[in-house]
Amino acid sequence: MVNAKHRCRYSIIRFMPHVETGEFANIGVVLVAPKAGFFNFRVEVRRYARITNFFDTLEPEFFRNAAGALICELERVREMLPSGEGARLRLDLGFDQTFTHFFDELTRARGGVITFSESRVVLSDDPATTLHKLFGHYVERNFVTQQYRETVLEQHMKSWFQELDLSSRFVKRQFDDGVYRASFPFVEVDQEGDARKIIKPFFLGQKEPTSMIDHGVKWATSVRRLRKARVIPERVLFAVEGPTAGGAHVAAYKEIRDLLEDSDIDVIPFDRQQAILDYAVS
């Protein structure tokens, strides 16, 4: 930022329940702006399913307890730091080192299921706003578009096929009816090059239920149109990754799943790997 006033340091909070594998999930951000006398944090407290789905052998209560203990510790640190206008004047005299010391001590490497990334630096006009933006990026993954996520799912599926030596049977192919065209990542072709079946990883975990419905309607319409023109095979599978949020997201997911099935599209949840592979080899 051109007019940035505050040099902030931040660390990404990570949840790593299985030290043996080194796998972790970002669950929060802690940020300090020493000269501004600012120290605060955000920790994921609502979307537990994203974490517990990733570590599928973990009891949800384990994460809730770990996150709760972390929040208590961070609140304790925040209360220990000086605050108020008088403290700000003292900070201007060099007491900003207090904030730096507490931040370094909090985020230093140690054992346990909660770890912190190496500290990073960002310039900011408003540290509080910057904290929320960093949380959105690293934890809520605001940068993740449906196109990005479906690309990740395609990479996972490609690795499944490679392990079973199925890669040569499936190719990426584009179909069109002379006016409309659509591309599918996994199309099984026979020796003559004719398409036998289609498998498409399909993301229905958008932040807004409206976006979920729009995405589903678009692809159901695409399949119906291309099938009517007899340019794609009858067998089409969407391997669907659904939402982690509840309420309206679940309702939208069910609506789109019903729409896909009414359009004679086979639907299997993406986490049912064996069922997808059985479909691939059938």
C-alpha atoms as a PDB file:
ATOM      1  CA  MET A   1       0.000   0.000   0.000  1.00  0.00           C
ATOM      2  CA  VAL A   2       1.349   3.458  -0.901  1.00  0.00           C
ATOM      3  CA  ASN A   3       0.098   5.147   2.300  1.00  0.00           C
ATOM      4  CA  ALA A   4       0.731   2.226   4.642  1.00  0.00           C
ATOM      5  CA  LYS A   5       1.733   3.427   8.122  1.00  0.00           C
ATOM      6  CA  HIS A   6       2.143   0.322  10.240  1.00  0.00           C
ATOM      7  CA  ARG A   7       4.641  -2.489   9.876  1.00  0.00           C
ATOM      8  CA  CYS A   8       2.747  -5.606  10.973  1.00  0.00           C
ATOM      9  CA  ARG A   9       3.990  -9.089  11.663  1.00  0.00           C
ATOM     10  CA  TYR A  10       1.671 -12.044  11.446  1.00  0.00           C
ATOM     11  CA  SER A  11       1.751 -15.806  11.789  1.00  0.00           C
ATOM     12  CA  ILE A  12      -0.649 -18.426  10.463  1.00  0.00           C
ATOM     13  CA  ILE A  13      -2.029 -20.740  13.146  1.00  0.00           C
ATOM     14  CA  ARG A  14      -1.996 -24.390  12.117  1.00  0.00           C
ATOM     15  CA  PHE A  15      -3.742 -27.474  13.465  1.00  0.00           C
ATOM     16  CA  MET A  16      -1.555 -30.584  13.115  1.00  0.00           C
ATOM     17  CA  PRO A  17      -3.053 -33.521  15.049  1.00  0.00           C
ATOM     18  CA  HIS A  18      -0.871 -36.177  13.386  1.00  0.00           C
ATOM     19  CA  VAL A  19       2.748 -35.162  13.837  1.00  0.00           C
ATOM     20  CA  GLU A  20       3.853 -38.352  12.058  1.00  0.00           C
ATOM     21  CA  THR A  21       2.430 -37.222   8.697  1.00  0.00           C
ATOM     22  CA  GLY A  22       3.118 -33.500   9.015  1.00  0.00           C
ATOM     23  CA  GLU A  23      -0.323 -32.684   7.599  1.00  0.00           C
ATOM     24  CA  PHE A  24      -1.913 -29.509   8.901  1.00  0.00           C
ATOM     25  CA  ALA A  25      -4.865 -27.196   8.351  1.00  0.00           C
ATOM     26  CA  ASN A  26      -4.801 -23.417   8.701  1.00  0.00           C
ATOM     27  CA  ILE A  27      -7.187 -22.440  11.497  1.00  0.00           C
ATOM     28  CA  GLY A  28      -6.307 -18.858  12.343  1.00  0.00           C
ATOM     29  CA  VAL A  29      -4.045 -15.808  12.140  1.00  0.00           C
ATOM     30  CA  VAL A  30      -2.347 -13.766  14.862  1.00  0.00           C
ATOM     31  CA  LEU A  31      -1.089 -10.266  14.025  1.00  0.00           C
ATOM     32  CA  VAL A  32       0.904  -7.616  15.866  1.00  0.00           C
ATOM     33  CA  ALA A  33       1.649  -3.980  14.951  1.00  0.00           C
ATOM     34  CA  PRO A  34       4.090  -3.011  17.729  1.00  0.00           C
ATOM     35  CA  LYS A  35       4.264   0.736  17.160  1.00  0.00           C
ATOM     36  CA  ALA A  36       0.472   0.930  16.969  1.00  0.00           C
ATOM     37  CA  GLY A  37       0.093  -1.081  20.164  1.00  0.00           C
ATOM     38  CA  PHE A  38      -2.048  -3.606  18.290  1.00  0.00           C
ATOM     39  CA  PHE A  39      -2.241  -7.316  19.006  1.00  0.00           C
ATOM     40  CA  ASN A  40      -5.166  -9.471  17.934  1.00  0.00           C
ATOM     41  CA  PHE A  41      -6.106 -12.786  16.386  1.00  0.00           C
ATOM     42  CA  ARG A  42      -8.845 -14.713  14.607  1.00  0.00           C
ATOM     43  CA  VAL A  43      -9.387 -18.439  15.029  1.00  0.00           C
ATOM     44  CA  GLU A  44     -11.882 -20.634  13.181  1.00  0.00           C
ATOM     45  CA  VAL A  45     -14.773 -21.309  15.554  1.00  0.00           C
ATOM     46  CA  ARG A  46     -17.693 -21.971  13.182  1.00  0.00           C
ATOM     47  CA  ARG A  47     -16.746 -24.130  10.212  1.00  0.00           C
ATOM     48  CA  TYR A  48     -15.489 -27.177  12.111  1.00  0.00           C
ATOM     49  CA  ALA A  49     -16.542 -29.526   9.312  1.00  0.00           C
ATOM     50  CA  ARG A  50     -13.794 -28.240   7.008  1.00  0.00           C
ATOM     51  CA  ILE A  51     -11.193 -29.336   9.557  1.00  0.00           C
ATOM     52  CA  THR A  52     -12.773 -32.581  10.701  1.00  0.00           C
ATOM     53  CA  ASN A  53     -13.505 -33.668   7.117  1.00  0.00           C
ATOM     54  CA  PHE A  54      -9.827 -33.203   6.275  1.00  0.00           C
ATOM     55  CA  PHE A  55      -8.742 -35.288   9.293  1.00  0.00           C
ATOM     56  CA  ASP A  56     -11.490 -37.862   8.858  1.00  0.00           C
ATOM     57  CA  THR A  57     -10.312 -40.152  11.680  1.00  0.00           C
ATOM     58  CA  LEU A  58     -10.438 -37.331  14.213  1.00  0.00           C
ATOM     59  CA  GLU A  59     -13.269 -36.777  16.655  1.00  0.00           C
ATOM     60  CA  PRO A  60     -14.741 -33.256  16.238  1.00  0.00           C
ATOM     61  CA  GLU A  61     -14.520 -32.750  20.006  1.00  0.00           C
ATOM     62  CA  PHE A  62     -10.732 -33.030  19.819  1.00  0.00           C
ATOM     63  CA  PHE A  63     -10.494 -30.031  17.498  1.00  0.00           C
ATOM     64  CA  ARG A  64     -13.046 -28.005  19.459  1.00  0.00           C
ATOM     65  CA  ASN A  65     -11.099 -28.537  22.668  1.00  0.00           C
ATOM     66  CA  ALA A  66      -7.774 -27.641  21.034  1.00  0.00           C
ATOM     67  CA  ALA A  67      -9.230 -24.494  19.421  1.00  0.00           C
ATOM     68  CA  GLY A  68     -10.879 -23.486  22.708  1.00  0.00           C
ATOM     69  CA  ALA A  69      -7.632 -23.831  24.655  1.00  0.00           C
ATOM     70  CA  LEU A  70      -5.798 -21.821  22.001  1.00  0.00           C
ATOM     71  CA  ILE A  71      -8.315 -18.989  22.140  1.00  0.00           C
ATOM     72  CA  CYS A  72      -8.007 -18.833  25.932  1.00  0.00           C
ATOM     73  CA  GLU A  73      -4.221 -18.577  25.647  1.00  0.00           C
ATOM     74  CA  LEU A  74      -4.395 -15.839  22.993  1.00  0.00           C
ATOM     75  CA  GLU A  75      -6.899 -13.859  25.053  1.00  0.00           C
ATOM     76  CA  ARG A  76      -4.601 -14.170  28.083  1.00  0.00           C
ATOM     77  CA  VAL A  77      -1.687 -12.754  26.068  1.00  0.00           C
ATOM     78  CA  ARG A  78      -3.832  -9.910  24.754  1.00  0.00           C
ATOM     79  CA  GLU A  79      -4.913  -8.964  28.272  1.00  0.00           C
ATOM     80  CA  MET A  80      -1.291  -8.908  29.473  1.00  0.00           C
ATOM     81  CA  LEU A  81      -0.263  -6.351  26.872  1.00  0.00           C
ATOM     82  CA  PRO A  82      -0.542  -2.624  27.617  1.00  0.00           C
ATOM     83  CA  SER A  83      -3.552  -0.823  26.193  1.00  0.00           C
ATOM     84  CA  GLY A  84      -5.151   2.586  26.256  1.00  0.00           C
ATOM     85  CA  GLU A  85      -3.834   6.039  25.381  1.00  0.00           C
ATOM     86  CA  GLY A  86      -1.277   6.094  28.177  1.00  0.00           C
ATOM     87  CA  ALA A  87       0.190   2.829  26.966  1.00  0.00           C
ATOM     88  CA  ARG A  88       0.358   4.192  23.416  1.00  0.00           C
ATOM     89  CA  LEU A  89       2.512   7.104  24.656  1.00  0.00           C
ATOM     90  CA  ARG A  90       4.827   4.678  26.430  1.00  0.00           C
ATOM     91  CA  LEU A  91       5.031   2.600  23.300  1.00  0.00           C
ATOM     92  CA  ASP A  92       6.216   5.632  21.388  1.00  0.00           C
ATOM     93  CA  LEU A  93       9.122   5.783  23.828  1.00  0.00           C
ATOM     94  CA  GLY A  94      10.244   2.302  22.845  1.00  0.00           C
ATOM     95  CA  PHE A  95       7.889  -0.038  24.703  1.00  0.00           C
ATOM     96  CA  ASP A  96       6.801  -1.516  21.371  1.00  0.00           C
ATOM     97  CA  GLN A  97       9.440  -4.142  22.116  1.00  0.00           C
ATOM     98  CA  THR A  98       6.966  -5.589  24.610  1.00  0.00           C
ATOM     99  CA  PHE A  99       4.554  -6.465  21.790  1.00  0.00           C
ATOM    100  CA  THR A 100       7.363  -7.912  19.693  1.00  0.00           C
ATOM    101  CA  HIS A 101       8.593 -10.045  22.601  1.00  0.00           C
ATOM    102  CA  PHE A 102       5.159 -11.468  23.347  1.00  0.00           C
ATOM    103  CA  PHE A 103       4.538 -12.208  19.657  1.00  0.00           C
ATOM    104  CA  ASP A 104       7.899 -13.970  19.267  1.00  0.00           C
ATOM    105  CA  GLU A 105       7.363 -16.021  22.403  1.00  0.00           C
ATOM    106  CA  LEU A 106       3.835 -16.991  21.393  1.00  0.00           C
ATOM    107  CA  THR A 107       4.778 -18.135  17.883  1.00  0.00           C
ATOM    108  CA  ARG A 108       8.120 -19.831  18.580  1.00  0.00           C
ATOM    109  CA  ALA A 109       8.496 -23.448  17.495  1.00  0.00           C
ATOM    110  CA  ARG A 110       7.252 -25.970  20.032  1.00  0.00           C
ATOM    111  CA  GLY A 111       5.564 -29.345  20.167  1.00  0.00           C
ATOM    112  CA  GLY A 112       1.815 -29.885  20.208  1.00  0.00           C
ATOM    113  CA  VAL A 113      -1.123 -30.043  17.853  1.00  0.00           C
ATOM    114  CA  ILE A 114      -1.196 -26.240  17.455  1.00  0.00           C
ATOM    115  CA  THR A 115       1.754 -24.733  15.581  1.00  0.00           C
ATOM    116  CA  PHE A 116       2.576 -21.362  14.067  1.00  0.00           C
ATOM    117  CA  SER A 117       4.127 -20.528  10.710  1.00  0.00           C
ATOM    118  CA  GLU A 118       7.247 -18.406  10.481  1.00  0.00           C
ATOM    119  CA  SER A 119       6.308 -14.770  10.978  1.00  0.00           C
ATOM    120  CA  ARG A 120       5.661 -12.672   7.901  1.00  0.00           C
ATOM    121  CA  VAL A 121       5.558  -8.918   7.383  1.00  0.00           C
ATOM    122  CA  VAL A 122       2.856  -6.757   5.843  1.00  0.00           C
ATOM    123  CA  LEU A 123       2.383  -2.964   5.727  1.00  0.00           C
ATOM    124  CA  SER A 124      -1.047  -1.735   6.683  1.00  0.00           C
ATOM    125  CA  ASP A 125      -3.061   1.439   7.247  1.00  0.00           C
ATOM    126  CA  ASP A 126      -5.452  -0.519   9.477  1.00  0.00           C
ATOM    127  CA  PRO A 127      -4.068  -3.615  11.271  1.00  0.00           C
ATOM    128  CA  ALA A 128      -7.557  -4.815  12.278  1.00  0.00           C
ATOM    129  CA  THR A 129      -8.760  -4.807   8.672  1.00  0.00           C
ATOM    130  CA  THR A 130      -5.555  -6.506   7.549  1.00  0.00           C
ATOM    131  CA  LEU A 131      -6.065  -9.257  10.125  1.00  0.00           C
ATOM    132  CA  HIS A 132      -9.527 -10.017   8.740  1.00  0.00           C
ATOM    133  CA  LYS A 133      -8.225 -10.026   5.159  1.00  0.00           C
ATOM    134  CA  LEU A 134      -5.426 -12.434   6.057  1.00  0.00           C
ATOM    135  CA  PHE A 135      -7.898 -14.704   7.841  1.00  0.00           C
ATOM    136  CA  GLY A 136     -10.117 -14.672   4.755  1.00  0.00           C
ATOM    137  CA  HIS A 137      -7.199 -15.643   2.533  1.00  0.00           C
ATOM    138  CA  TYR A 138      -5.431 -18.279   4.622  1.00  0.00           C
ATOM    139  CA  VAL A 139      -8.332 -19.822   6.549  1.00  0.00           C
ATOM    140  CA  GLU A 140     -11.560 -19.097   4.674  1.00  0.00           C
ATOM    141  CA  ARG A 141      -9.629 -19.406   1.373  1.00  0.00           C
ATOM    142  CA  ASN A 142     -11.422 -16.554  -0.336  1.00  0.00           C
ATOM    143  CA  PHE A 143      -9.106 -17.049  -3.322  1.00  0.00           C
ATOM    144  CA  VAL A 144     -10.545 -20.500  -3.992  1.00  0.00           C
ATOM    145  CA  THR A 145     -12.865 -20.310  -6.980  1.00  0.00           C
ATOM    146  CA  GLN A 146     -14.910 -23.225  -8.219  1.00  0.00           C
ATOM    147  CA  GLN A 147     -12.552 -23.467 -11.198  1.00  0.00           C
ATOM    148  CA  TYR A 148      -9.537 -23.674  -8.877  1.00  0.00           C
ATOM    149  CA  ARG A 149     -11.143 -26.287  -6.658  1.00  0.00           C
ATOM    150  CA  GLU A 150     -12.269 -28.447  -9.558  1.00  0.00           C
ATOM    151  CA  THR A 151      -8.717 -28.344 -10.924  1.00  0.00           C
ATOM    152  CA  VAL A 152      -7.487 -29.682  -7.571  1.00  0.00           C
ATOM    153  CA  LEU A 153     -10.119 -32.429  -7.631  1.00  0.00           C
ATOM    154  CA  GLU A 154      -9.085 -33.358 -11.170  1.00  0.00           C
ATOM    155  CA  GLN A 155      -5.480 -33.742 -10.028  1.00  0.00           C
ATOM    156  CA  HIS A 156      -6.564 -36.061  -7.219  1.00  0.00           C
ATOM    157  CA  MET A 157      -8.638 -38.171  -9.599  1.00  0.00           C
ATOM    158  CA  LYS A 158      -5.816 -38.306 -12.123  1.00  0.00           C
ATOM    159  CA  SER A 159      -3.537 -39.753  -9.441  1.00  0.00           C
ATOM    160  CA  TRP A 160      -6.173 -42.401  -8.628  1.00  0.00           C
ATOM    161  CA  PHE A 161      -6.309 -43.440 -12.271  1.00  0.00           C
ATOM    162  CA  GLN A 162      -2.522 -43.547 -12.527  1.00  0.00           C
ATOM    163  CA  GLU A 163      -2.287 -45.912  -9.556  1.00  0.00           C
ATOM    164  CA  LEU A 164      -4.628 -48.367 -11.329  1.00  0.00           C
ATOM    165  CA  ASP A 165      -3.085 -47.851 -14.779  1.00  0.00           C
ATOM    166  CA  LEU A 166      -6.315 -46.299 -16.051  1.00  0.00           C
ATOM    167  CA  SER A 167      -4.781 -43.071 -17.345  1.00  0.00           C
ATOM    168  CA  SER A 168      -4.459 -44.318 -20.917  1.00  0.00           C
ATOM    169  CA  ARG A 169      -8.193 -45.051 -21.028  1.00  0.00           C
ATOM    170  CA  PHE A 170      -9.259 -41.510 -20.175  1.00  0.00           C
ATOM    171  CA  VAL A 171      -8.501 -38.334 -22.092  1.00  0.00           C
ATOM    172  CA  LYS A 172      -9.574 -34.719 -21.894  1.00  0.00           C
ATOM    173  CA  ARG A 173     -12.012 -33.921 -24.688  1.00  0.00           C
ATOM    174  CA  GLN A 174     -14.164 -31.060 -25.886  1.00  0.00           C
ATOM    175  CA  PHE A 175     -17.599 -31.652 -27.390  1.00  0.00           C
ATOM    176  CA  ASP A 176     -19.748 -29.266 -29.377  1.00  0.00           C
ATOM    177  CA  ASP A 177     -23.034 -29.335 -31.258  1.00  0.00           C
ATOM    178  CA  GLY A 178     -21.975 -26.762 -33.824  1.00  0.00           C
ATOM    179  CA  VAL A 179     -22.985 -23.854 -31.606  1.00  0.00           C
ATOM    180  CA  TYR A 180     -22.325 -24.776 -27.991  1.00  0.00           C
ATOM    181  CA  ARG A 181     -19.207 -26.465 -26.613  1.00  0.00           C
ATOM    182  CA  ALA A 182     -18.079 -27.927 -23.298  1.00  0.00           C
ATOM    183  CA  SER A 183     -14.894 -29.625 -22.122  1.00  0.00           C
ATOM    184  CA  PHE A 184     -14.679 -32.673 -19.842  1.00  0.00           C
ATOM    185  CA  PRO A 185     -11.462 -33.790 -18.085  1.00  0.00           C
ATOM    186  CA  PHE A 186     -11.973 -37.579 -18.138  1.00  0.00           C
ATOM    187  CA  VAL A 187     -13.534 -39.164 -21.200  1.00  0.00           C
ATOM    188  CA  GLU A 188     -13.107 -42.890 -21.779  1.00  0.00           C
ATOM    189  CA  VAL A 189     -12.567 -43.655 -25.448  1.00  0.00           C
ATOM    190  CA  ASP A 190     -12.512 -46.979 -27.266  1.00  0.00           C
ATOM    191  CA  GLN A 191     -10.007 -48.136 -29.870  1.00  0.00           C
ATOM    192  CA  GLU A 192     -11.859 -46.206 -32.577  1.00  0.00           C
ATOM    193  CA  GLY A 193     -11.696 -43.025 -30.499  1.00  0.00           C
ATOM    194  CA  ASP A 194     -15.417 -42.988 -29.729  1.00  0.00           C
ATOM    195  CA  ALA A 195     -16.436 -41.743 -26.287  1.00  0.00           C
ATOM    196  CA  ARG A 196     -17.885 -44.417 -23.961  1.00  0.00           C
ATOM    197  CA  LYS A 197     -18.311 -42.560 -20.688  1.00  0.00           C
ATOM    198  CA  ILE A 198     -17.541 -39.220 -19.026  1.00  0.00           C
ATOM    199  CA  ILE A 199     -16.367 -38.567 -15.469  1.00  0.00           C
ATOM    200  CA  LYS A 200     -16.226 -35.022 -14.159  1.00  0.00           C
ATOM    201  CA  PRO A 201     -15.120 -33.878 -10.679  1.00  0.00           C
ATOM    202  CA  PHE A 202     -17.748 -31.342  -9.647  1.00  0.00           C
ATOM    203  CA  PHE A 203     -17.462 -28.724  -6.902  1.00  0.00           C
ATOM    204  CA  LEU A 204     -20.584 -27.669  -5.003  1.00  0.00           C
ATOM    205  CA  GLY A 205     -18.962 -25.983  -2.016  1.00  0.00           C
ATOM    206  CA  GLN A 206     -19.284 -22.357  -3.096  1.00  0.00           C
ATOM    207  CA  LYS A 207     -19.681 -19.753  -0.367  1.00  0.00           C
ATOM    208  CA  GLU A 208     -23.113 -18.676  -1.611  1.00  0.00           C
ATOM    209  CA  PRO A 209     -25.995 -21.135  -2.180  1.00  0.00           C
ATOM    210  CA  THR A 210     -26.989 -19.115  -5.261  1.00  0.00           C
ATOM    211  CA  SER A 211     -23.568 -19.783  -6.791  1.00  0.00           C
ATOM    212  CA  MET A 212     -23.988 -23.500  -6.095  1.00  0.00           C
ATOM    213  CA  ILE A 213     -27.325 -23.550  -7.908  1.00  0.00           C
ATOM    214  CA  ASP A 214     -26.020 -21.483 -10.831  1.00  0.00           C
ATOM    215  CA  HIS A 215     -23.091 -23.875 -11.300  1.00  0.00           C
ATOM    216  CA  GLY A 216     -25.307 -26.952 -11.143  1.00  0.00           C
ATOM    217  CA  VAL A 217     -27.952 -25.596 -13.526  1.00  0.00           C
ATOM    218  CA  LYS A 218     -25.282 -24.605 -16.048  1.00  0.00           C
ATOM    219  CA  TRP A 219     -23.762 -28.082 -16.223  1.00  0.00           C
ATOM    220  CA  ALA A 220     -27.046 -29.978 -16.133  1.00  0.00           C
ATOM    221  CA  THR A 221     -28.173 -27.862 -19.083  1.00  0.00           C
ATOM    222  CA  SER A 222     -24.863 -28.469 -20.882  1.00  0.00           C
ATOM    223  CA  VAL A 223     -25.149 -32.247 -20.557  1.00  0.00           C
ATOM    224  CA  ARG A 224     -28.796 -32.291 -21.666  1.00  0.00           C
ATOM    225  CA  ARG A 225     -28.037 -30.180 -24.720  1.00  0.00           C
ATOM    226  CA  LEU A 226     -24.995 -32.176 -25.851  1.00  0.00           C
ATOM    227  CA  ARG A 227     -26.745 -35.455 -25.195  1.00  0.00           C
ATOM    228  CA  LYS A 228     -29.745 -34.323 -27.256  1.00  0.00           C
ATOM    229  CA  ALA A 229     -27.329 -33.558 -30.110  1.00  0.00           C
ATOM    230  CA  ARG A 230     -25.879 -37.082 -29.678  1.00  0.00           C
ATOM    231  CA  VAL A 231     -22.320 -35.836 -29.345  1.00  0.00           C
ATOM    232  CA  ILE A 232     -21.628 -37.203 -25.844  1.00  0.00           C
ATOM    233  CA  PRO A 233     -22.148 -40.726 -24.455  1.00  0.00           C
ATOM    234  CA  GLU A 234     -25.119 -41.650 -22.295  1.00  0.00           C
ATOM    235  CA  ARG A 235     -22.987 -42.535 -19.282  1.00  0.00           C
ATOM    236  CA  VAL A 236     -21.951 -39.365 -17.451  1.00  0.00           C
ATOM    237  CA  LEU A 237     -20.755 -39.265 -13.854  1.00  0.00           C
ATOM    238  CA  PHE A 238     -20.299 -36.167 -11.709  1.00  0.00           C
ATOM    239  CA  ALA A 239     -18.080 -36.865  -8.680  1.00  0.00           C
ATOM    240  CA  VAL A 240     -19.387 -34.176  -6.362  1.00  0.00           C
ATOM    241  CA  GLU A 241     -17.650 -32.406  -3.498  1.00  0.00           C
ATOM    242  CA  GLY A 242     -20.370 -30.785  -1.423  1.00  0.00           C
ATOM    243  CA  PRO A 243     -20.508 -27.880   1.035  1.00  0.00           C
ATOM    244  CA  THR A 244     -19.030 -27.797   4.525  1.00  0.00           C
ATOM    245  CA  ALA A 245     -21.630 -25.299   5.764  1.00  0.00           C
ATOM    246  CA  GLY A 246     -25.165 -26.289   6.709  1.00  0.00           C
ATOM    247  CA  GLY A 247     -28.582 -24.715   6.349  1.00  0.00           C
ATOM    248  CA  ALA A 248     -29.213 -23.157   2.951  1.00  0.00           C
ATOM    249  CA  HIS A 249     -26.028 -24.709   1.552  1.00  0.00           C
ATOM    250  CA  VAL A 250     -27.307 -28.208   2.265  1.00  0.00           C
ATOM    251  CA  ALA A 251     -30.678 -27.344   0.714  1.00  0.00           C
ATOM    252  CA  ALA A 252     -28.967 -25.995  -2.422  1.00  0.00           C
ATOM    253  CA  TYR A 253     -26.746 -29.080  -2.618  1.00  0.00           C
ATOM    254  CA  LYS A 254     -29.742 -31.420  -2.433  1.00  0.00           C
ATOM    255  CA  GLU A 255     -31.590 -29.386  -5.060  1.00  0.00           C
ATOM    256  CA  ILE A 256     -28.687 -29.610  -7.504  1.00  0.00           C
ATOM    257  CA  ARG A 257     -28.067 -33.277  -6.813  1.00  0.00           C
ATOM    258  CA  ASP A 258     -31.732 -33.984  -7.614  1.00  0.00           C
ATOM    259  CA  LEU A 259     -31.450 -31.863 -10.766  1.00  0.00           C
ATOM    260  CA  LEU A 260     -28.383 -33.778 -11.954  1.00  0.00           C
ATOM    261  CA  GLU A 261     -30.005 -37.133 -11.323  1.00  0.00           C
ATOM    262  CA  ASP A 262     -33.216 -35.996 -13.065  1.00  0.00           C
ATOM    263  CA  SER A 263     -30.962 -35.146 -16.021  1.00  0.00           C
ATOM    264  CA  ASP A 264     -29.743 -38.786 -16.094  1.00  0.00           C
ATOM    265  CA  ILE A 265     -26.354 -37.815 -14.704  1.00  0.00           C
ATOM    266  CA  ASP A 266     -24.879 -40.306 -12.254  1.00  0.00           C
ATOM    267  CA  VAL A 267     -23.787 -38.685  -8.991  1.00  0.00           C
ATOM    268  CA  ILE A 268     -21.252 -40.050  -6.498  1.00  0.00           C
ATOM    269  CA  PRO A 269     -19.726 -38.035  -3.637  1.00  0.00           C
ATOM    270  CA  PHE A 270     -16.085 -37.300  -4.363  1.00  0.00           C
ATOM    271  CA  ASP A 271     -14.923 -38.850  -1.090  1.00  0.00           C
ATOM    272  CA  ARG A 272     -16.249 -42.266  -2.188  1.00  0.00           C
ATOM    273  CA  GLN A 273     -13.083 -43.046  -4.113  1.00  0.00           C
ATOM    274  CA  GLN A 274     -13.688 -46.766  -4.542  1.00  0.00           C
ATOM    275  CA  ALA A 275     -17.192 -46.236  -5.946  1.00  0.00           C
ATOM    276  CA  ILE A 276     -15.792 -43.777  -8.482  1.00  0.00           C
ATOM    277  CA  LEU A 277     -13.062 -46.219  -9.500  1.00  0.00           C
ATOM    278  CA  ASP A 278     -15.605 -49.013  -9.833  1.00  0.00           C
ATOM    279  CA  TYR A 279     -17.585 -46.766 -12.189  1.00  0.00           C
ATOM    280  CA  ALA A 280     -14.418 -45.988 -14.147  1.00  0.00           C
ATOM    281  CA  VAL A 281     -13.571 -49.650 -14.797  1.00  0.00           C
ATOM    282  CA  SER A 282     -17.171 -50.808 -15.397  1.00  0.00           C
END
